[in-house]
Amino acid sequence: MTQHQQTEFAAFLLRVTLGIMYLSHSLVLKLATFSLAGTAGFFVGVGLPGWLAYVTFAAEAVGGVLLVLGVKTRWVVLALMPALWGAIIWVHGWNGWVFTAPNGGWEYPAFLIVVSIVQFLLGDGAYALAPSSTSDRAAEAAKPATRPVRGATA
């Protein structure tokens, strides 16, 4: 496996893992654990509008599916990052670093921001259904094949 193939596969693994994380955070935490109404109540309790909980839930669920499938990965991670910044600013920032603190600390959303930036930089990776832009694979395929000339030179 070439270095390029390893990088493409690594970006794929990161993309799928990040997508599953967003899906589980949306479906398991916001929907199954707290319910959407409960999540909206929490948002109101921290000074945010209740409707934003529904938007956040939908963004995380749809964004997670798009990441798993590899649909416009770079744009999806950019679109999801404001929710992570909001989580730090309005919810977790004053609770300290450790996420096990009451109401959770800020290291988990901060880590996800960094992972999202890395995903943006790496791109879609292998097996993407709708790449964000011209992928490195397409650029490599478009290059003319050249081979080093062996032997005497002129």
N, C-alpha and C. Protein backbone atom coordinates (compact mmCIF):
# COMPACT_ATOMS: atom_id res chain seq x y z
N MET A 1 0.85 -1.18 0.00
CA MET A 1 0.00 0.00 0.00
C MET A 1 0.89 1.23 0.00
N THR A 2 0.63 2.14 -0.92
CA THR A 2 1.43 3.37 -1.01
C THR A 2 1.04 4.34 0.11
N GLN A 3 1.89 5.34 0.30
CA GLN A 3 1.59 6.36 1.31
C GLN A 3 0.30 7.08 0.98
N HIS A 4 0.09 7.36 -0.29
CA HIS A 4 -1.15 8.02 -0.71
C HIS A 4 -2.36 7.16 -0.38
N GLN A 5 -2.29 5.87 -0.63
CA GLN A 5 -3.41 4.97 -0.31
C GLN A 5 -3.64 4.90 1.19
N GLN A 6 -2.56 4.89 1.96
CA GLN A 6 -2.70 4.87 3.42
C GLN A 6 -3.38 6.14 3.91
N THR A 7 -3.00 7.28 3.35
CA THR A 7 -3.62 8.55 3.74
C THR A 7 -5.10 8.57 3.38
N GLU A 8 -5.43 8.10 2.19
CA GLU A 8 -6.83 8.04 1.77
C GLU A 8 -7.64 7.12 2.70
N PHE A 9 -7.05 6.00 3.08
CA PHE A 9 -7.75 5.08 3.98
C PHE A 9 -7.88 5.67 5.38
N ALA A 10 -6.83 6.35 5.84
CA ALA A 10 -6.89 7.00 7.16
C ALA A 10 -7.97 8.07 7.18
N ALA A 11 -8.07 8.86 6.12
CA ALA A 11 -9.12 9.89 6.04
C ALA A 11 -10.50 9.23 6.04
N PHE A 12 -10.62 8.10 5.36
CA PHE A 12 -11.88 7.35 5.36
C PHE A 12 -12.25 6.88 6.77
N LEU A 13 -11.29 6.29 7.48
CA LEU A 13 -11.57 5.82 8.85
C LEU A 13 -11.95 6.98 9.77
N LEU A 14 -11.25 8.09 9.65
CA LEU A 14 -11.57 9.26 10.46
C LEU A 14 -12.96 9.77 10.13
N ARG A 15 -13.28 9.84 8.84
CA ARG A 15 -14.59 10.35 8.39
C ARG A 15 -15.73 9.48 8.92
N VAL A 16 -15.60 8.17 8.82
CA VAL A 16 -16.66 7.27 9.28
C VAL A 16 -16.79 7.35 10.80
N THR A 17 -15.69 7.38 11.50
CA THR A 17 -15.72 7.47 12.96
C THR A 17 -16.35 8.77 13.42
N LEU A 18 -15.99 9.88 12.78
CA LEU A 18 -16.57 11.17 13.13
C LEU A 18 -18.06 11.19 12.82
N GLY A 19 -18.45 10.59 11.70
CA GLY A 19 -19.86 10.50 11.34
C GLY A 19 -20.66 9.69 12.35
N ILE A 20 -20.11 8.57 12.78
CA ILE A 20 -20.78 7.74 13.79
C ILE A 20 -20.89 8.49 15.12
N MET A 21 -19.85 9.26 15.46
CA MET A 21 -19.91 10.04 16.69
C MET A 21 -21.04 11.06 16.63
N TYR A 22 -21.15 11.79 15.52
CA TYR A 22 -22.23 12.78 15.39
C TYR A 22 -23.60 12.09 15.43
N LEU A 23 -23.72 10.98 14.73
CA LEU A 23 -24.99 10.24 14.74
C LEU A 23 -25.36 9.80 16.15
N SER A 24 -24.41 9.20 16.85
CA SER A 24 -24.71 8.71 18.20
C SER A 24 -24.99 9.86 19.16
N HIS A 25 -24.27 10.95 19.02
CA HIS A 25 -24.50 12.11 19.90
C HIS A 25 -25.91 12.65 19.67
N SER A 26 -26.35 12.64 18.44
CA SER A 26 -27.67 13.13 18.10
C SER A 26 -28.76 12.14 18.51
N LEU A 27 -28.65 10.91 18.05
CA LEU A 27 -29.72 9.93 18.26
C LEU A 27 -29.75 9.38 19.68
N VAL A 28 -28.58 9.02 20.21
CA VAL A 28 -28.55 8.40 21.54
C VAL A 28 -28.70 9.44 22.65
N LEU A 29 -27.92 10.50 22.58
CA LEU A 29 -27.95 11.49 23.67
C LEU A 29 -29.18 12.40 23.59
N LYS A 30 -29.33 13.08 22.47
CA LYS A 30 -30.39 14.09 22.38
C LYS A 30 -31.78 13.49 22.22
N LEU A 31 -31.90 12.41 21.45
CA LEU A 31 -33.21 11.83 21.20
C LEU A 31 -33.58 10.77 22.23
N ALA A 32 -32.75 9.75 22.38
CA ALA A 32 -33.11 8.62 23.24
C ALA A 32 -32.92 8.89 24.73
N THR A 33 -31.85 9.59 25.11
CA THR A 33 -31.56 9.79 26.52
C THR A 33 -32.38 10.95 27.10
N PHE A 34 -32.31 12.12 26.47
CA PHE A 34 -32.96 13.30 27.03
C PHE A 34 -34.28 13.66 26.34
N SER A 35 -34.55 13.13 25.20
CA SER A 35 -35.68 13.45 24.32
C SER A 35 -35.45 14.83 23.71
N LEU A 36 -36.09 15.07 22.59
CA LEU A 36 -35.90 16.37 21.95
C LEU A 36 -36.48 17.50 22.80
N ALA A 37 -37.61 17.23 23.45
CA ALA A 37 -38.20 18.26 24.33
C ALA A 37 -37.28 18.54 25.51
N GLY A 38 -36.70 17.50 26.07
CA GLY A 38 -35.76 17.68 27.18
C GLY A 38 -34.51 18.43 26.74
N THR A 39 -34.03 18.12 25.55
CA THR A 39 -32.86 18.83 25.02
C THR A 39 -33.20 20.30 24.78
N ALA A 40 -34.39 20.56 24.26
CA ALA A 40 -34.82 21.95 24.06
C ALA A 40 -34.90 22.67 25.41
N GLY A 41 -35.41 21.99 26.44
CA GLY A 41 -35.46 22.59 27.77
C GLY A 41 -34.08 22.91 28.30
N PHE A 42 -33.12 22.02 28.04
CA PHE A 42 -31.74 22.27 28.46
C PHE A 42 -31.19 23.50 27.75
N PHE A 43 -31.44 23.60 26.44
CA PHE A 43 -30.97 24.77 25.68
C PHE A 43 -31.54 26.05 26.28
N VAL A 44 -32.83 26.04 26.60
CA VAL A 44 -33.46 27.22 27.20
C VAL A 44 -32.82 27.52 28.55
N GLY A 45 -32.51 26.46 29.31
CA GLY A 45 -31.91 26.62 30.63
C GLY A 45 -30.53 27.26 30.60
N VAL A 46 -29.82 27.12 29.48
CA VAL A 46 -28.49 27.75 29.37
C VAL A 46 -28.54 29.05 28.57
N GLY A 47 -29.77 29.52 28.29
CA GLY A 47 -29.93 30.81 27.64
C GLY A 47 -30.03 30.79 26.13
N LEU A 48 -30.20 29.63 25.55
CA LEU A 48 -30.36 29.52 24.10
C LEU A 48 -31.82 29.29 23.75
N PRO A 49 -32.23 29.64 22.54
CA PRO A 49 -33.62 29.38 22.16
C PRO A 49 -33.88 27.87 22.03
N GLY A 50 -35.05 27.43 22.45
CA GLY A 50 -35.39 26.01 22.41
C GLY A 50 -35.36 25.42 21.02
N TRP A 51 -35.76 26.20 20.00
CA TRP A 51 -35.77 25.69 18.64
C TRP A 51 -34.39 25.30 18.16
N LEU A 52 -33.35 25.90 18.74
CA LEU A 52 -31.98 25.59 18.33
C LEU A 52 -31.61 24.14 18.65
N ALA A 53 -32.26 23.55 19.66
CA ALA A 53 -32.01 22.15 19.98
C ALA A 53 -32.44 21.25 18.83
N TYR A 54 -33.56 21.57 18.21
CA TYR A 54 -34.05 20.77 17.09
C TYR A 54 -33.15 20.93 15.87
N VAL A 55 -32.68 22.14 15.65
CA VAL A 55 -31.75 22.39 14.53
C VAL A 55 -30.44 21.65 14.77
N THR A 56 -29.95 21.70 16.00
CA THR A 56 -28.71 21.01 16.34
C THR A 56 -28.86 19.51 16.18
N PHE A 57 -29.98 18.97 16.66
CA PHE A 57 -30.25 17.54 16.51
C PHE A 57 -30.24 17.14 15.04
N ALA A 58 -30.97 17.89 14.21
CA ALA A 58 -31.05 17.57 12.78
C ALA A 58 -29.69 17.71 12.10
N ALA A 59 -28.95 18.75 12.43
CA ALA A 59 -27.64 18.96 11.83
C ALA A 59 -26.69 17.82 12.18
N GLU A 60 -26.68 17.39 13.44
CA GLU A 60 -25.81 16.29 13.84
C GLU A 60 -26.22 14.98 13.19
N ALA A 61 -27.52 14.72 13.11
CA ALA A 61 -27.99 13.47 12.50
C ALA A 61 -27.70 13.44 11.01
N VAL A 62 -28.10 14.48 10.29
CA VAL A 62 -27.87 14.53 8.85
C VAL A 62 -26.38 14.61 8.55
N GLY A 63 -25.66 15.45 9.29
CA GLY A 63 -24.22 15.56 9.09
C GLY A 63 -23.51 14.25 9.33
N GLY A 64 -23.93 13.52 10.36
CA GLY A 64 -23.32 12.22 10.64
C GLY A 64 -23.52 11.24 9.49
N VAL A 65 -24.72 11.19 8.95
CA VAL A 65 -24.99 10.30 7.81
C VAL A 65 -24.15 10.72 6.60
N LEU A 66 -24.09 12.02 6.33
CA LEU A 66 -23.30 12.50 5.19
C LEU A 66 -21.83 12.16 5.34
N LEU A 67 -21.31 12.25 6.56
CA LEU A 67 -19.91 11.90 6.79
C LEU A 67 -19.68 10.41 6.57
N VAL A 68 -20.54 9.58 7.12
CA VAL A 68 -20.37 8.13 6.94
C VAL A 68 -20.37 7.78 5.44
N LEU A 69 -21.25 8.42 4.69
CA LEU A 69 -21.35 8.13 3.26
C LEU A 69 -20.26 8.82 2.43
N GLY A 70 -19.64 9.83 2.99
CA GLY A 70 -18.62 10.56 2.24
C GLY A 70 -19.22 11.53 1.25
N VAL A 71 -20.19 12.30 1.69
CA VAL A 71 -20.84 13.29 0.84
C VAL A 71 -20.36 14.68 1.26
N LYS A 72 -19.57 15.31 0.40
CA LYS A 72 -19.08 16.68 0.63
C LYS A 72 -18.49 16.85 2.03
N THR A 73 -17.61 15.95 2.40
CA THR A 73 -17.05 15.88 3.75
C THR A 73 -16.50 17.20 4.26
N ARG A 74 -15.71 17.87 3.45
CA ARG A 74 -15.10 19.12 3.92
C ARG A 74 -16.15 20.14 4.31
N TRP A 75 -17.20 20.25 3.55
CA TRP A 75 -18.25 21.23 3.82
C TRP A 75 -19.09 20.81 5.00
N VAL A 76 -19.29 19.51 5.18
CA VAL A 76 -20.08 19.01 6.32
C VAL A 76 -19.36 19.32 7.63
N VAL A 77 -18.06 19.03 7.70
CA VAL A 77 -17.35 19.31 8.97
C VAL A 77 -17.30 20.80 9.26
N LEU A 78 -17.19 21.62 8.22
CA LEU A 78 -17.24 23.07 8.45
C LEU A 78 -18.60 23.49 8.98
N ALA A 79 -19.66 22.91 8.43
CA ALA A 79 -21.02 23.27 8.86
C ALA A 79 -21.31 22.82 10.28
N LEU A 80 -20.67 21.74 10.73
CA LEU A 80 -20.93 21.22 12.07
C LEU A 80 -20.09 21.89 13.15
N MET A 81 -19.00 22.54 12.78
CA MET A 81 -18.12 23.14 13.79
C MET A 81 -18.77 24.26 14.61
N PRO A 82 -19.64 25.10 14.06
CA PRO A 82 -20.25 26.12 14.92
C PRO A 82 -21.01 25.54 16.12
N ALA A 83 -21.63 24.38 15.96
CA ALA A 83 -22.31 23.75 17.10
C ALA A 83 -21.31 23.36 18.19
N LEU A 84 -20.13 22.93 17.78
CA LEU A 84 -19.10 22.56 18.75
C LEU A 84 -18.58 23.80 19.48
N TRP A 85 -18.36 24.88 18.72
CA TRP A 85 -17.94 26.13 19.37
C TRP A 85 -19.03 26.62 20.32
N GLY A 86 -20.28 26.51 19.89
CA GLY A 86 -21.39 26.91 20.75
C GLY A 86 -21.45 26.08 22.02
N ALA A 87 -21.17 24.79 21.90
CA ALA A 87 -21.16 23.92 23.09
C ALA A 87 -20.10 24.37 24.08
N ILE A 88 -18.95 24.79 23.58
CA ILE A 88 -17.89 25.28 24.47
C ILE A 88 -18.29 26.61 25.08
N ILE A 89 -18.77 27.53 24.26
CA ILE A 89 -19.05 28.90 24.72
C ILE A 89 -20.24 28.95 25.67
N TRP A 90 -21.36 28.28 25.31
CA TRP A 90 -22.58 28.43 26.10
C TRP A 90 -22.82 27.34 27.13
N VAL A 91 -22.16 26.20 27.00
CA VAL A 91 -22.48 25.10 27.90
C VAL A 91 -21.28 24.64 28.72
N HIS A 92 -20.20 24.25 28.06
CA HIS A 92 -19.12 23.53 28.75
C HIS A 92 -17.93 24.38 29.16
N GLY A 93 -17.78 25.56 28.60
CA GLY A 93 -16.57 26.35 28.82
C GLY A 93 -16.28 26.68 30.26
N TRP A 94 -17.29 26.91 31.06
CA TRP A 94 -17.08 27.31 32.45
C TRP A 94 -16.98 26.13 33.40
N ASN A 95 -17.12 24.91 32.86
CA ASN A 95 -17.11 23.72 33.71
C ASN A 95 -15.73 23.11 33.88
N GLY A 96 -14.72 23.70 33.27
CA GLY A 96 -13.37 23.15 33.36
C GLY A 96 -13.10 22.20 32.21
N TRP A 97 -11.95 21.59 32.30
CA TRP A 97 -11.44 20.74 31.22
C TRP A 97 -12.12 19.38 31.19
N VAL A 98 -12.32 18.75 32.29
CA VAL A 98 -12.76 17.35 32.34
C VAL A 98 -14.24 17.22 31.99
N PHE A 99 -14.55 16.35 31.04
CA PHE A 99 -15.93 16.20 30.59
C PHE A 99 -16.80 15.51 31.63
N THR A 100 -16.20 14.86 32.64
CA THR A 100 -16.99 14.24 33.70
C THR A 100 -17.41 15.24 34.77
N ALA A 101 -17.00 16.49 34.66
CA ALA A 101 -17.45 17.54 35.58
C ALA A 101 -18.96 17.74 35.41
N PRO A 102 -19.63 18.28 36.42
CA PRO A 102 -21.06 18.56 36.26
C PRO A 102 -21.31 19.40 35.00
N ASN A 103 -22.25 18.98 34.18
CA ASN A 103 -22.56 19.58 32.87
C ASN A 103 -21.43 19.46 31.86
N GLY A 104 -20.42 18.66 32.15
CA GLY A 104 -19.36 18.35 31.20
C GLY A 104 -18.37 19.48 30.98
N GLY A 105 -17.13 19.11 30.78
CA GLY A 105 -16.07 20.07 30.49
C GLY A 105 -15.99 20.33 29.00
N TRP A 106 -14.98 21.07 28.61
CA TRP A 106 -14.90 21.51 27.22
C TRP A 106 -13.92 20.71 26.37
N GLU A 107 -13.23 19.71 26.95
CA GLU A 107 -12.22 19.02 26.15
C GLU A 107 -12.82 18.17 25.03
N TYR A 108 -13.99 17.60 25.23
CA TYR A 108 -14.59 16.76 24.19
C TYR A 108 -14.99 17.58 22.97
N PRO A 109 -15.74 18.68 23.11
CA PRO A 109 -16.02 19.48 21.92
C PRO A 109 -14.76 20.09 21.31
N ALA A 110 -13.78 20.45 22.14
CA ALA A 110 -12.53 21.00 21.60
C ALA A 110 -11.79 19.93 20.78
N PHE A 111 -11.77 18.71 21.28
CA PHE A 111 -11.14 17.61 20.54
C PHE A 111 -11.86 17.40 19.21
N LEU A 112 -13.19 17.45 19.22
CA LEU A 112 -13.94 17.25 17.99
C LEU A 112 -13.70 18.38 16.99
N ILE A 113 -13.46 19.59 17.47
CA ILE A 113 -13.11 20.69 16.57
C ILE A 113 -11.79 20.39 15.88
N VAL A 114 -10.80 19.94 16.65
CA VAL A 114 -9.49 19.62 16.06
C VAL A 114 -9.63 18.46 15.07
N VAL A 115 -10.37 17.42 15.44
CA VAL A 115 -10.58 16.29 14.53
C VAL A 115 -11.28 16.76 13.26
N SER A 116 -12.23 17.65 13.38
CA SER A 116 -12.94 18.19 12.21
C SER A 116 -11.99 18.98 11.32
N ILE A 117 -11.10 19.74 11.92
CA ILE A 117 -10.10 20.47 11.13
C ILE A 117 -9.19 19.51 10.38
N VAL A 118 -8.75 18.46 11.08
CA VAL A 118 -7.92 17.43 10.43
C VAL A 118 -8.68 16.79 9.27
N GLN A 119 -9.95 16.47 9.49
CA GLN A 119 -10.76 15.87 8.42
C GLN A 119 -10.88 16.83 7.24
N PHE A 120 -11.07 18.11 7.52
CA PHE A 120 -11.14 19.11 6.45
C PHE A 120 -9.84 19.12 5.65
N LEU A 121 -8.71 19.09 6.36
CA LEU A 121 -7.41 19.13 5.68
C LEU A 121 -7.14 17.86 4.87
N LEU A 122 -7.54 16.71 5.40
CA LEU A 122 -7.32 15.44 4.70
C LEU A 122 -8.27 15.25 3.53
N GLY A 123 -9.46 15.78 3.66
CA GLY A 123 -10.45 15.61 2.60
C GLY A 123 -11.34 14.41 2.85
N ASP A 124 -11.98 13.97 1.80
CA ASP A 124 -13.00 12.92 1.88
C ASP A 124 -12.44 11.54 2.20
N GLY A 125 -11.27 11.24 1.70
CA GLY A 125 -10.71 9.91 1.87
C GLY A 125 -11.31 8.92 0.88
N ALA A 126 -10.96 7.68 1.07
CA ALA A 126 -11.41 6.60 0.18
C ALA A 126 -12.91 6.37 0.34
N TYR A 127 -13.50 5.81 -0.67
CA TYR A 127 -14.90 5.36 -0.67
C TYR A 127 -15.92 6.48 -0.46
N ALA A 128 -15.59 7.69 -0.82
CA ALA A 128 -16.54 8.81 -0.69
C ALA A 128 -17.52 8.77 -1.86
N LEU A 129 -18.80 8.90 -1.55
CA LEU A 129 -19.82 8.88 -2.60
C LEU A 129 -19.86 10.17 -3.41
N ALA A 130 -19.66 11.29 -2.75
CA ALA A 130 -19.67 12.59 -3.43
C ALA A 130 -18.56 13.46 -2.84
N PRO A 131 -17.36 13.34 -3.38
CA PRO A 131 -16.23 14.10 -2.82
C PRO A 131 -16.48 15.60 -2.81
N SER A 132 -15.82 16.27 -1.88
CA SER A 132 -15.98 17.71 -1.69
C SER A 132 -15.52 18.51 -2.90
N SER A 133 -14.45 18.06 -3.51
CA SER A 133 -13.90 18.74 -4.67
C SER A 133 -13.08 17.72 -5.44
N THR A 134 -12.32 18.19 -6.40
CA THR A 134 -11.47 17.26 -7.12
C THR A 134 -10.56 16.59 -6.12
N SER A 135 -10.68 15.31 -6.02
CA SER A 135 -9.89 14.58 -5.03
C SER A 135 -8.47 14.38 -5.52
N ASP A 136 -7.60 14.02 -4.61
CA ASP A 136 -6.22 13.72 -4.97
C ASP A 136 -6.17 12.53 -5.92
N ARG A 137 -7.09 11.59 -5.77
CA ARG A 137 -7.12 10.42 -6.66
C ARG A 137 -7.36 10.87 -8.09
N ALA A 138 -8.29 11.80 -8.28
CA ALA A 138 -8.59 12.28 -9.63
C ALA A 138 -7.40 13.05 -10.18
N ALA A 139 -6.75 13.84 -9.34
CA ALA A 139 -5.58 14.60 -9.78
C ALA A 139 -4.45 13.65 -10.17
N GLU A 140 -4.24 12.62 -9.38
CA GLU A 140 -3.21 11.63 -9.70
C GLU A 140 -3.54 10.90 -10.99
N ALA A 141 -4.80 10.56 -11.19
CA ALA A 141 -5.19 9.84 -12.40
C ALA A 141 -5.04 10.71 -13.64
N ALA A 142 -5.16 12.03 -13.47
CA ALA A 142 -5.06 12.94 -14.61
C ALA A 142 -3.62 13.21 -15.01
N LYS A 143 -2.68 12.93 -14.13
CA LYS A 143 -1.27 13.18 -14.44
C LYS A 143 -0.80 12.18 -15.50
N PRO A 144 0.04 12.65 -16.42
CA PRO A 144 0.59 11.70 -17.38
C PRO A 144 1.54 10.75 -16.69
N ALA A 145 1.52 9.52 -17.14
CA ALA A 145 2.41 8.51 -16.57
C ALA A 145 3.82 8.78 -17.06
N THR A 146 4.73 8.93 -16.13
CA THR A 146 6.14 9.12 -16.50
C THR A 146 6.96 8.08 -15.78
N ARG A 147 7.94 7.63 -16.48
CA ARG A 147 8.85 6.65 -15.89
C ARG A 147 10.26 7.23 -15.98
N PRO A 148 11.04 6.97 -14.97
CA PRO A 148 12.43 7.46 -15.06
C PRO A 148 13.15 6.72 -16.18
N VAL A 149 13.98 7.46 -16.88
CA VAL A 149 14.76 6.87 -17.95
C VAL A 149 16.00 6.26 -17.33
N ARG A 150 16.21 5.01 -17.63
CA ARG A 150 17.40 4.33 -17.10
C ARG A 150 18.44 4.19 -18.21
N GLY A 151 19.64 4.23 -17.82
CA GLY A 151 20.69 4.03 -18.82
C GLY A 151 21.36 5.33 -19.19
N ALA A 152 21.93 5.36 -20.38
CA ALA A 152 22.69 6.52 -20.85
C ALA A 152 21.79 7.71 -21.06
N THR A 153 22.30 8.89 -20.75
CA THR A 153 21.55 10.13 -21.00
C THR A 153 22.28 10.92 -22.06
N ALA A 154 21.59 11.78 -22.73
CA ALA A 154 22.19 12.56 -23.82
C ALA A 154 23.04 13.68 -23.32
